[in-house]
Amino acid sequence: METSIMTMDQARLQLLQLRDLVRDLEMIVNGGGPTKQLLETAPFLDLWQLENRYEKGLAGYAAGHPILGDQYVHTSQVWALSQRGRWARTFTRWYRLGDAIDEVVVKS
């Protein structure tokens, strides 16, 4: 008996997500970053921090997330993070970043 880790629909979705991720990572490696248009439609993550899990992810208050709406979220794995912490590319999507939680603590 053969067991499947994921359905064919799940595999197709993950393949599309991987293709998008590779395209975006190639753009970053070639000296680019997300376009203004990409970031305008990306969810906004405020009071964010990197999380130590089995993979690096982000946690923070999301605004405009296409699935989760406006709430505290834990993202998928982080693949790219701008040096100034203004955007991130996770496995599934771009994020515009507000203040990191440690920046707020220092500013207080």
PDB file of N, CA and C in Angstrom:
ATOM      1  N   MET A   1       0.837  -1.178   0.000  1.00  0.00           N
ATOM      2  CA  MET A   1       0.000   0.000   0.000  1.00  0.00           C
ATOM      3  C   MET A   1       0.884   1.245   0.000  1.00  0.00           C
ATOM      4  N   GLU A   2       0.613   2.163  -0.894  1.00  0.00           N
ATOM      5  CA  GLU A   2       1.385   3.388  -1.007  1.00  0.00           C
ATOM      6  C   GLU A   2       0.678   4.508  -0.246  1.00  0.00           C
ATOM      7  N   THR A   3       1.429   5.225   0.564  1.00  0.00           N
ATOM      8  CA  THR A   3       0.857   6.372   1.262  1.00  0.00           C
ATOM      9  C   THR A   3       1.426   7.646   0.669  1.00  0.00           C
ATOM     10  N   SER A   4       0.626   8.672   0.632  1.00  0.00           N
ATOM     11  CA  SER A   4       1.029   9.937   0.051  1.00  0.00           C
ATOM     12  C   SER A   4       1.178  10.984   1.144  1.00  0.00           C
ATOM     13  N   ILE A   5       2.231  11.768   1.043  1.00  0.00           N
ATOM     14  CA  ILE A   5       2.446  12.850   1.994  1.00  0.00           C
ATOM     15  C   ILE A   5       1.489  14.000   1.703  1.00  0.00           C
ATOM     16  N   MET A   6       1.211  14.258   0.440  1.00  0.00           N
ATOM     17  CA  MET A   6       0.293  15.331   0.068  1.00  0.00           C
ATOM     18  C   MET A   6      -0.522  14.921  -1.150  1.00  0.00           C
ATOM     19  N   THR A   7      -1.636  15.576  -1.315  1.00  0.00           N
ATOM     20  CA  THR A   7      -2.478  15.300  -2.480  1.00  0.00           C
ATOM     21  C   THR A   7      -1.847  15.939  -3.707  1.00  0.00           C
ATOM     22  N   MET A   8      -2.335  15.549  -4.862  1.00  0.00           N
ATOM     23  CA  MET A   8      -1.832  16.139  -6.108  1.00  0.00           C
ATOM     24  C   MET A   8      -2.113  17.638  -6.145  1.00  0.00           C
ATOM     25  N   ASP A   9      -3.280  18.065  -5.662  1.00  0.00           N
ATOM     26  CA  ASP A   9      -3.588  19.504  -5.629  1.00  0.00           C
ATOM     27  C   ASP A   9      -2.623  20.245  -4.711  1.00  0.00           C
ATOM     28  N   GLN A  10      -2.300  19.652  -3.566  1.00  0.00           N
ATOM     29  CA  GLN A  10      -1.342  20.271  -2.659  1.00  0.00           C
ATOM     30  C   GLN A  10       0.041  20.329  -3.301  1.00  0.00           C
ATOM     31  N   ALA A  11       0.423  19.285  -4.007  1.00  0.00           N
ATOM     32  CA  ALA A  11       1.719  19.251  -4.683  1.00  0.00           C
ATOM     33  C   ALA A  11       1.784  20.317  -5.779  1.00  0.00           C
ATOM     34  N   ARG A  12       0.703  20.479  -6.530  1.00  0.00           N
ATOM     35  CA  ARG A  12       0.671  21.508  -7.577  1.00  0.00           C
ATOM     36  C   ARG A  12       0.807  22.902  -6.977  1.00  0.00           C
ATOM     37  N   LEU A  13       0.085  23.150  -5.875  1.00  0.00           N
ATOM     38  CA  LEU A  13       0.164  24.447  -5.206  1.00  0.00           C
ATOM     39  C   LEU A  13       1.574  24.706  -4.699  1.00  0.00           C
ATOM     40  N   GLN A  14       2.195  23.709  -4.089  1.00  0.00           N
ATOM     41  CA  GLN A  14       3.547  23.891  -3.579  1.00  0.00           C
ATOM     42  C   GLN A  14       4.534  24.118  -4.716  1.00  0.00           C
ATOM     43  N   LEU A  15       4.351  23.456  -5.833  1.00  0.00           N
ATOM     44  CA  LEU A  15       5.209  23.663  -6.991  1.00  0.00           C
ATOM     45  C   LEU A  15       5.093  25.108  -7.490  1.00  0.00           C
ATOM     46  N   LEU A  16       3.871  25.639  -7.559  1.00  0.00           N
ATOM     47  CA  LEU A  16       3.683  27.034  -7.962  1.00  0.00           C
ATOM     48  C   LEU A  16       4.365  27.984  -6.972  1.00  0.00           C
ATOM     49  N   GLN A  17       4.237  27.694  -5.674  1.00  0.00           N
ATOM     50  CA  GLN A  17       4.868  28.528  -4.657  1.00  0.00           C
ATOM     51  C   GLN A  17       6.386  28.474  -4.777  1.00  0.00           C
ATOM     52  N   LEU A  18       6.931  27.302  -5.049  1.00  0.00           N
ATOM     53  CA  LEU A  18       8.380  27.165  -5.219  1.00  0.00           C
ATOM     54  C   LEU A  18       8.862  27.931  -6.445  1.00  0.00           C
ATOM     55  N   ARG A  19       8.114  27.876  -7.534  1.00  0.00           N
ATOM     56  CA  ARG A  19       8.494  28.620  -8.746  1.00  0.00           C
ATOM     57  C   ARG A  19       8.510  30.119  -8.465  1.00  0.00           C
ATOM     58  N   ASP A  20       7.481  30.613  -7.770  1.00  0.00           N
ATOM     59  CA  ASP A  20       7.436  32.031  -7.411  1.00  0.00           C
ATOM     60  C   ASP A  20       8.613  32.404  -6.515  1.00  0.00           C
ATOM     61  N   LEU A  21       8.918  31.548  -5.551  1.00  0.00           N
ATOM     62  CA  LEU A  21      10.030  31.801  -4.636  1.00  0.00           C
ATOM     63  C   LEU A  21      11.356  31.852  -5.395  1.00  0.00           C
ATOM     64  N   VAL A  22      11.597  30.904  -6.288  1.00  0.00           N
ATOM     65  CA  VAL A  22      12.840  30.892  -7.074  1.00  0.00           C
ATOM     66  C   VAL A  22      12.943  32.161  -7.905  1.00  0.00           C
ATOM     67  N   ARG A  23      11.871  32.565  -8.552  1.00  0.00           N
ATOM     68  CA  ARG A  23      11.874  33.798  -9.355  1.00  0.00           C
ATOM     69  C   ARG A  23      12.249  34.999  -8.483  1.00  0.00           C
ATOM     70  N   ASP A  24      11.646  35.096  -7.300  1.00  0.00           N
ATOM     71  CA  ASP A  24      11.910  36.233  -6.428  1.00  0.00           C
ATOM     72  C   ASP A  24      13.328  36.203  -5.859  1.00  0.00           C
ATOM     73  N   LEU A  25      13.833  35.027  -5.515  1.00  0.00           N
ATOM     74  CA  LEU A  25      15.207  34.921  -5.011  1.00  0.00           C
ATOM     75  C   LEU A  25      16.213  35.272  -6.099  1.00  0.00           C
ATOM     76  N   GLU A  26      15.934  34.871  -7.340  1.00  0.00           N
ATOM     77  CA  GLU A  26      16.815  35.251  -8.453  1.00  0.00           C
ATOM     78  C   GLU A  26      16.840  36.765  -8.621  1.00  0.00           C
ATOM     79  N   MET A  27      15.691  37.415  -8.467  1.00  0.00           N
ATOM     80  CA  MET A  27      15.609  38.868  -8.566  1.00  0.00           C
ATOM     81  C   MET A  27      16.473  39.517  -7.478  1.00  0.00           C
ATOM     82  N   ILE A  28      16.414  38.990  -6.248  1.00  0.00           N
ATOM     83  CA  ILE A  28      17.195  39.536  -5.138  1.00  0.00           C
ATOM     84  C   ILE A  28      18.688  39.325  -5.382  1.00  0.00           C
ATOM     85  N   VAL A  29      19.068  38.104  -5.774  1.00  0.00           N
ATOM     86  CA  VAL A  29      20.480  37.778  -6.012  1.00  0.00           C
ATOM     87  C   VAL A  29      21.066  38.641  -7.130  1.00  0.00           C
ATOM     88  N   ASN A  30      20.253  38.995  -8.093  1.00  0.00           N
ATOM     89  CA  ASN A  30      20.711  39.815  -9.214  1.00  0.00           C
ATOM     90  C   ASN A  30      20.673  41.307  -8.902  1.00  0.00           C
ATOM     91  N   GLY A  31      20.578  41.646  -7.621  1.00  0.00           N
ATOM     92  CA  GLY A  31      20.681  43.044  -7.218  1.00  0.00           C
ATOM     93  C   GLY A  31      19.363  43.771  -7.114  1.00  0.00           C
ATOM     94  N   GLY A  32      18.280  43.078  -7.298  1.00  0.00           N
ATOM     95  CA  GLY A  32      16.983  43.717  -7.202  1.00  0.00           C
ATOM     96  C   GLY A  32      16.339  43.450  -5.866  1.00  0.00           C
ATOM     97  N   GLY A  33      15.122  43.744  -5.790  1.00  0.00           N
ATOM     98  CA  GLY A  33      14.307  43.494  -4.617  1.00  0.00           C
ATOM     99  C   GLY A  33      12.872  43.584  -5.070  1.00  0.00           C
ATOM    100  N   PRO A  34      11.971  43.561  -4.165  1.00  0.00           N
ATOM    101  CA  PRO A  34      10.567  43.663  -4.567  1.00  0.00           C
ATOM    102  C   PRO A  34      10.278  45.039  -5.164  1.00  0.00           C
ATOM    103  N   THR A  35       9.433  45.052  -6.172  1.00  0.00           N
ATOM    104  CA  THR A  35       9.028  46.322  -6.783  1.00  0.00           C
ATOM    105  C   THR A  35       8.067  47.047  -5.855  1.00  0.00           C
ATOM    106  N   LYS A  36       7.897  48.310  -6.102  1.00  0.00           N
ATOM    107  CA  LYS A  36       6.948  49.109  -5.316  1.00  0.00           C
ATOM    108  C   LYS A  36       5.546  48.505  -5.421  1.00  0.00           C
ATOM    109  N   GLN A  37       5.179  48.036  -6.622  1.00  0.00           N
ATOM    110  CA  GLN A  37       3.854  47.446  -6.827  1.00  0.00           C
ATOM    111  C   GLN A  37       3.693  46.161  -6.009  1.00  0.00           C
ATOM    112  N   LEU A  38       4.744  45.322  -5.948  1.00  0.00           N
ATOM    113  CA  LEU A  38       4.668  44.102  -5.144  1.00  0.00           C
ATOM    114  C   LEU A  38       4.452  44.430  -3.670  1.00  0.00           C
ATOM    115  N   LEU A  39       5.193  45.407  -3.176  1.00  0.00           N
ATOM    116  CA  LEU A  39       5.081  45.746  -1.760  1.00  0.00           C
ATOM    117  C   LEU A  39       3.760  46.435  -1.428  1.00  0.00           C
ATOM    118  N   GLU A  40       3.188  47.181  -2.388  1.00  0.00           N
ATOM    119  CA  GLU A  40       1.900  47.836  -2.135  1.00  0.00           C
ATOM    120  C   GLU A  40       0.798  46.819  -1.877  1.00  0.00           C
ATOM    121  N   THR A  41       0.915  45.641  -2.472  1.00  0.00           N
ATOM    122  CA  THR A  41      -0.124  44.618  -2.293  1.00  0.00           C
ATOM    123  C   THR A  41       0.250  43.576  -1.243  1.00  0.00           C
ATOM    124  N   ALA A  42       1.457  43.683  -0.684  1.00  0.00           N
ATOM    125  CA  ALA A  42       1.918  42.709   0.315  1.00  0.00           C
ATOM    126  C   ALA A  42       1.316  43.023   1.679  1.00  0.00           C
ATOM    127  N   PRO A  43       1.046  41.993   2.488  1.00  0.00           N
ATOM    128  CA  PRO A  43       0.585  42.252   3.854  1.00  0.00           C
ATOM    129  C   PRO A  43       1.639  43.050   4.617  1.00  0.00           C
ATOM    130  N   PHE A  44       1.192  43.855   5.571  1.00  0.00           N
ATOM    131  CA  PHE A  44       2.068  44.654   6.418  1.00  0.00           C
ATOM    132  C   PHE A  44       2.221  43.934   7.743  1.00  0.00           C
ATOM    133  N   LEU A  45       3.452  43.745   8.193  1.00  0.00           N
ATOM    134  CA  LEU A  45       3.727  43.040   9.440  1.00  0.00           C
ATOM    135  C   LEU A  45       4.419  44.003  10.379  1.00  0.00           C
ATOM    136  N   ASP A  46       3.783  44.294  11.521  1.00  0.00           N
ATOM    137  CA  ASP A  46       4.317  45.252  12.480  1.00  0.00           C
ATOM    138  C   ASP A  46       4.681  44.541  13.771  1.00  0.00           C
ATOM    139  N   LEU A  47       5.574  45.150  14.531  1.00  0.00           N
ATOM    140  CA  LEU A  47       6.064  44.574  15.782  1.00  0.00           C
ATOM    141  C   LEU A  47       6.502  43.132  15.549  1.00  0.00           C
ATOM    142  N   TRP A  48       7.318  42.963  14.512  1.00  0.00           N
ATOM    143  CA  TRP A  48       7.706  41.627  14.060  1.00  0.00           C
ATOM    144  C   TRP A  48       9.024  41.204  14.699  1.00  0.00           C
ATOM    145  N   GLN A  49       9.243  39.918  14.663  1.00  0.00           N
ATOM    146  CA  GLN A  49      10.490  39.340  15.141  1.00  0.00           C
ATOM    147  C   GLN A  49      10.744  38.030  14.416  1.00  0.00           C
ATOM    148  N   LEU A  50      12.039  37.677  14.294  1.00  0.00           N
ATOM    149  CA  LEU A  50      12.382  36.359  13.773  1.00  0.00           C
ATOM    150  C   LEU A  50      12.113  35.343  14.858  1.00  0.00           C
ATOM    151  N   GLU A  51      11.558  34.217  14.480  1.00  0.00           N
ATOM    152  CA  GLU A  51      11.270  33.153  15.430  1.00  0.00           C
ATOM    153  C   GLU A  51      12.225  31.995  15.208  1.00  0.00           C
ATOM    154  N   ASN A  52      12.664  31.397  16.280  1.00  0.00           N
ATOM    155  CA  ASN A  52      13.475  30.189  16.202  1.00  0.00           C
ATOM    156  C   ASN A  52      12.563  28.990  16.329  1.00  0.00           C
ATOM    157  N   ARG A  53      12.288  28.379  15.204  1.00  0.00           N
ATOM    158  CA  ARG A  53      11.501  27.158  15.147  1.00  0.00           C
ATOM    159  C   ARG A  53      12.370  26.145  14.419  1.00  0.00           C
ATOM    160  N   TYR A  54      11.785  25.125  13.892  1.00  0.00           N
ATOM    161  CA  TYR A  54      12.563  24.200  13.071  1.00  0.00           C
ATOM    162  C   TYR A  54      13.039  24.889  11.806  1.00  0.00           C
ATOM    163  N   GLU A  55      12.416  26.014  11.471  1.00  0.00           N
ATOM    164  CA  GLU A  55      12.840  26.864  10.377  1.00  0.00           C
ATOM    165  C   GLU A  55      12.607  28.303  10.822  1.00  0.00           C
ATOM    166  N   LYS A  56      13.371  29.239  10.279  1.00  0.00           N
ATOM    167  CA  LYS A  56      13.192  30.648  10.642  1.00  0.00           C
ATOM    168  C   LYS A  56      11.915  31.178  10.021  1.00  0.00           C
ATOM    169  N   GLY A  57      11.070  31.766  10.851  1.00  0.00           N
ATOM    170  CA  GLY A  57       9.850  32.403  10.394  1.00  0.00           C
ATOM    171  C   GLY A  57       9.726  33.751  11.069  1.00  0.00           C
ATOM    172  N   LEU A  58       8.687  34.469  10.731  1.00  0.00           N
ATOM    173  CA  LEU A  58       8.393  35.747  11.363  1.00  0.00           C
ATOM    174  C   LEU A  58       7.108  35.622  12.162  1.00  0.00           C
ATOM    175  N   ALA A  59       6.995  36.456  13.164  1.00  0.00           N
ATOM    176  CA  ALA A  59       5.752  36.586  13.912  1.00  0.00           C
ATOM    177  C   ALA A  59       5.506  38.066  14.084  1.00  0.00           C
ATOM    178  N   GLY A  60       4.256  38.479  13.995  1.00  0.00           N
ATOM    179  CA  GLY A  60       3.935  39.884  14.177  1.00  0.00           C
ATOM    180  C   GLY A  60       2.480  40.134  13.859  1.00  0.00           C
ATOM    181  N   TYR A  61       2.092  41.387  13.989  1.00  0.00           N
ATOM    182  CA  TYR A  61       0.711  41.783  13.723  1.00  0.00           C
ATOM    183  C   TYR A  61       0.557  42.093  12.241  1.00  0.00           C
ATOM    184  N   ALA A  62      -0.225  41.280  11.552  1.00  0.00           N
ATOM    185  CA  ALA A  62      -0.426  41.445  10.112  1.00  0.00           C
ATOM    186  C   ALA A  62      -1.618  42.334   9.838  1.00  0.00           C
ATOM    187  N   ALA A  63      -1.510  43.096   8.782  1.00  0.00           N
ATOM    188  CA  ALA A  63      -2.625  43.884   8.265  1.00  0.00           C
ATOM    189  C   ALA A  63      -2.728  43.592   6.781  1.00  0.00           C
ATOM    190  N   GLY A  64      -3.891  43.159   6.342  1.00  0.00           N
ATOM    191  CA  GLY A  64      -4.112  42.901   4.924  1.00  0.00           C
ATOM    192  C   GLY A  64      -3.621  41.550   4.435  1.00  0.00           C
ATOM    193  N   HIS A  65      -3.472  40.596   5.355  1.00  0.00           N
ATOM    194  CA  HIS A  65      -3.058  39.256   4.916  1.00  0.00           C
ATOM    195  C   HIS A  65      -4.206  38.644   4.117  1.00  0.00           C
ATOM    196  N   PRO A  66      -3.921  38.077   2.924  1.00  0.00           N
ATOM    197  CA  PRO A  66      -5.008  37.590   2.068  1.00  0.00           C
ATOM    198  C   PRO A  66      -5.789  36.405   2.635  1.00  0.00           C
ATOM    199  N   ILE A  67      -5.216  35.672   3.569  1.00  0.00           N
ATOM    200  CA  ILE A  67      -5.913  34.521   4.148  1.00  0.00           C
ATOM    201  C   ILE A  67      -6.287  34.767   5.600  1.00  0.00           C
ATOM    202  N   LEU A  68      -5.361  35.332   6.365  1.00  0.00           N
ATOM    203  CA  LEU A  68      -5.550  35.485   7.812  1.00  0.00           C
ATOM    204  C   LEU A  68      -6.124  36.832   8.229  1.00  0.00           C
ATOM    205  N   GLY A  69      -6.180  37.783   7.310  1.00  0.00           N
ATOM    206  CA  GLY A  69      -6.747  39.085   7.641  1.00  0.00           C
ATOM    207  C   GLY A  69      -5.816  39.886   8.527  1.00  0.00           C
ATOM    208  N   ASP A  70      -6.402  40.596   9.481  1.00  0.00           N
ATOM    209  CA  ASP A  70      -5.663  41.468  10.382  1.00  0.00           C
ATOM    210  C   ASP A  70      -5.601  40.820  11.759  1.00  0.00           C
ATOM    211  N   GLN A  71      -4.458  40.238  12.074  1.00  0.00           N
ATOM    212  CA  GLN A  71      -4.286  39.576  13.362  1.00  0.00           C
ATOM    213  C   GLN A  71      -2.815  39.224  13.566  1.00  0.00           C
ATOM    214  N   TYR A  72      -2.488  38.713  14.733  1.00  0.00           N
ATOM    215  CA  TYR A  72      -1.137  38.243  15.014  1.00  0.00           C
ATOM    216  C   TYR A  72      -0.931  36.946  14.244  1.00  0.00           C
ATOM    217  N   VAL A  73       0.184  36.864  13.510  1.00  0.00           N
ATOM    218  CA  VAL A  73       0.420  35.698  12.664  1.00  0.00           C
ATOM    219  C   VAL A  73       1.826  35.152  12.874  1.00  0.00           C
ATOM    220  N   HIS A  74       2.005  33.926  12.455  1.00  0.00           N
ATOM    221  CA  HIS A  74       3.312  33.281  12.328  1.00  0.00           C
ATOM    222  C   HIS A  74       3.446  32.940  10.850  1.00  0.00           C
ATOM    223  N   THR A  75       4.508  33.426  10.216  1.00  0.00           N
ATOM    224  CA  THR A  75       4.662  33.234   8.780  1.00  0.00           C
ATOM    225  C   THR A  75       5.291  31.890   8.456  1.00  0.00           C
ATOM    226  N   SER A  76       5.303  31.595   7.177  1.00  0.00           N
ATOM    227  CA  SER A  76       6.074  30.452   6.698  1.00  0.00           C
ATOM    228  C   SER A  76       7.561  30.819   6.750  1.00  0.00           C
ATOM    229  N   GLN A  77       8.402  29.913   6.349  1.00  0.00           N
ATOM    230  CA  GLN A  77       9.856  30.079   6.440  1.00  0.00           C
ATOM    231  C   GLN A  77      10.339  31.334   5.712  1.00  0.00           C
ATOM    232  N   VAL A  78      11.235  32.072   6.362  1.00  0.00           N
ATOM    233  CA  VAL A  78      11.833  33.271   5.767  1.00  0.00           C
ATOM    234  C   VAL A  78      12.984  32.859   4.847  1.00  0.00           C
ATOM    235  N   TRP A  79      12.953  33.359   3.620  1.00  0.00           N
ATOM    236  CA  TRP A  79      14.001  33.073   2.648  1.00  0.00           C
ATOM    237  C   TRP A  79      14.854  34.303   2.376  1.00  0.00           C
ATOM    238  N   ALA A  80      14.310  35.497   2.537  1.00  0.00           N
ATOM    239  CA  ALA A  80      15.080  36.723   2.315  1.00  0.00           C
ATOM    240  C   ALA A  80      14.522  37.817   3.221  1.00  0.00           C
ATOM    241  N   LEU A  81      15.445  38.616   3.773  1.00  0.00           N
ATOM    242  CA  LEU A  81      15.084  39.713   4.672  1.00  0.00           C
ATOM    243  C   LEU A  81      15.976  40.886   4.308  1.00  0.00           C
ATOM    244  N   SER A  82      15.373  42.048   4.017  1.00  0.00           N
ATOM    245  CA  SER A  82      16.187  43.192   3.625  1.00  0.00           C
ATOM    246  C   SER A  82      17.104  43.600   4.768  1.00  0.00           C
ATOM    247  N   GLN A  83      18.255  44.153   4.414  1.00  0.00           N
ATOM    248  CA  GLN A  83      19.229  44.545   5.431  1.00  0.00           C
ATOM    249  C   GLN A  83      18.661  45.568   6.394  1.00  0.00           C
ATOM    250  N   ARG A  84      17.793  46.412   5.920  1.00  0.00           N
ATOM    251  CA  ARG A  84      17.189  47.439   6.782  1.00  0.00           C
ATOM    252  C   ARG A  84      15.881  46.969   7.420  1.00  0.00           C
ATOM    253  N   GLY A  85      15.517  45.709   7.170  1.00  0.00           N
ATOM    254  CA  GLY A  85      14.314  45.165   7.780  1.00  0.00           C
ATOM    255  C   GLY A  85      13.025  45.814   7.319  1.00  0.00           C
ATOM    256  N   ARG A  86      12.940  46.181   6.045  1.00  0.00           N
ATOM    257  CA  ARG A  86      11.738  46.836   5.529  1.00  0.00           C
ATOM    258  C   ARG A  86      10.863  45.891   4.724  1.00  0.00           C
ATOM    259  N   TRP A  87      11.414  44.757   4.289  1.00  0.00           N
ATOM    260  CA  TRP A  87      10.625  43.745   3.582  1.00  0.00           C
ATOM    261  C   TRP A  87      11.217  42.379   3.853  1.00  0.00           C
ATOM    262  N   ALA A  88      10.378  41.365   3.636  1.00  0.00           N
ATOM    263  CA  ALA A  88      10.818  39.976   3.771  1.00  0.00           C
ATOM    264  C   ALA A  88      10.115  39.141   2.718  1.00  0.00           C
ATOM    265  N   ARG A  89      10.787  38.089   2.278  1.00  0.00           N
ATOM    266  CA  ARG A  89      10.156  37.112   1.378  1.00  0.00           C
ATOM    267  C   ARG A  89      10.122  35.784   2.115  1.00  0.00           C
ATOM    268  N   THR A  90       8.941  35.335   2.405  1.00  0.00           N
ATOM    269  CA  THR A  90       8.777  34.036   3.033  1.00  0.00           C
ATOM    270  C   THR A  90       8.501  33.004   1.940  1.00  0.00           C
ATOM    271  N   PHE A  91       8.323  31.774   2.343  1.00  0.00           N
ATOM    272  CA  PHE A  91       8.047  30.733   1.351  1.00  0.00           C
ATOM    273  C   PHE A  91       6.825  31.077   0.509  1.00  0.00           C
ATOM    274  N   THR A  92       5.814  31.670   1.119  1.00  0.00           N
ATOM    275  CA  THR A  92       4.557  31.873   0.393  1.00  0.00           C
ATOM    276  C   THR A  92       4.318  33.277  -0.144  1.00  0.00           C
ATOM    277  N   ARG A  93       4.982  34.309   0.413  1.00  0.00           N
ATOM    278  CA  ARG A  93       4.640  35.664  -0.042  1.00  0.00           C
ATOM    279  C   ARG A  93       5.652  36.693   0.433  1.00  0.00           C
ATOM    280  N   TRP A  94       5.509  37.922  -0.118  1.00  0.00           N
ATOM    281  CA  TRP A  94       6.248  39.091   0.333  1.00  0.00           C
ATOM    282  C   TRP A  94       5.535  39.675   1.545  1.00  0.00           C
ATOM    283  N   TYR A  95       6.298  40.345   2.399  1.00  0.00           N
ATOM    284  CA  TYR A  95       5.741  41.136   3.497  1.00  0.00           C
ATOM    285  C   TYR A  95       6.430  42.491   3.512  1.00  0.00           C
ATOM    286  N   ARG A  96       5.639  43.540   3.747  1.00  0.00           N
ATOM    287  CA  ARG A  96       6.188  44.851   4.089  1.00  0.00           C
ATOM    288  C   ARG A  96       6.348  44.823   5.600  1.00  0.00           C
ATOM    289  N   LEU A  97       7.472  45.311   6.097  1.00  0.00           N
ATOM    290  CA  LEU A  97       7.723  45.225   7.532  1.00  0.00           C
ATOM    291  C   LEU A  97       7.685  46.600   8.187  1.00  0.00           C
ATOM    292  N   GLY A  98       7.014  46.662   9.303  1.00  0.00           N
ATOM    293  CA  GLY A  98       7.040  47.851  10.144  1.00  0.00           C
ATOM    294  C   GLY A  98       8.200  47.736  11.100  1.00  0.00           C
ATOM    295  N   ASP A  99       7.997  48.189  12.317  1.00  0.00           N
ATOM    296  CA  ASP A  99       9.049  48.132  13.324  1.00  0.00           C
ATOM    297  C   ASP A  99       9.241  46.708  13.831  1.00  0.00           C
ATOM    298  N   ALA A 100      10.494  46.342  13.998  1.00  0.00           N
ATOM    299  CA  ALA A 100      10.800  45.089  14.687  1.00  0.00           C
ATOM    300  C   ALA A 100      10.521  45.298  16.166  1.00  0.00           C
ATOM    301  N   ILE A 101      10.117  44.272  16.854  1.00  0.00           N
ATOM    302  CA  ILE A 101       9.757  44.416  18.266  1.00  0.00           C
ATOM    303  C   ILE A 101      10.929  44.938  19.078  1.00  0.00           C
ATOM    304  N   ASP A 102      12.161  44.544  18.746  1.00  0.00           N
ATOM    305  CA  ASP A 102      13.303  45.032  19.519  1.00  0.00           C
ATOM    306  C   ASP A 102      13.571  46.505  19.258  1.00  0.00           C
ATOM    307  N   GLU A 103      13.172  47.033  18.090  1.00  0.00           N
ATOM    308  CA  GLU A 103      13.297  48.471  17.818  1.00  0.00           C
ATOM    309  C   GLU A 103      12.355  49.259  18.711  1.00  0.00           C
ATOM    310  N   VAL A 104      11.172  48.744  18.930  1.00  0.00           N
ATOM    311  CA  VAL A 104      10.178  49.439  19.762  1.00  0.00           C
ATOM    312  C   VAL A 104      10.637  49.462  21.201  1.00  0.00           C
ATOM    313  N   VAL A 105      11.184  48.364  21.668  1.00  0.00           N
ATOM    314  CA  VAL A 105      11.674  48.280  23.045  1.00  0.00           C
ATOM    315  C   VAL A 105      12.796  49.292  23.258  1.00  0.00           C
ATOM    316  N   VAL A 106      13.699  49.417  22.280  1.00  0.00           N
ATOM    317  CA  VAL A 106      14.818  50.335  22.398  1.00  0.00           C
ATOM    318  C   VAL A 106      14.332  51.786  22.357  1.00  0.00           C
ATOM    319  N   LYS A 107      13.320  52.088  21.521  1.00  0.00           N
ATOM    320  CA  LYS A 107      12.807  53.443  21.382  1.00  0.00           C
ATOM    321  C   LYS A 107      12.054  53.913  22.622  1.00  0.00           C
ATOM    322  N   SER A 108      11.496  53.008  23.375  1.00  0.00           N
ATOM    323  CA  SER A 108      10.650  53.364  24.532  1.00  0.00           C
ATOM    324  C   SER A 108      11.405  54.134  25.582  1.00  0.00           C
TER     325      SER A 108
END
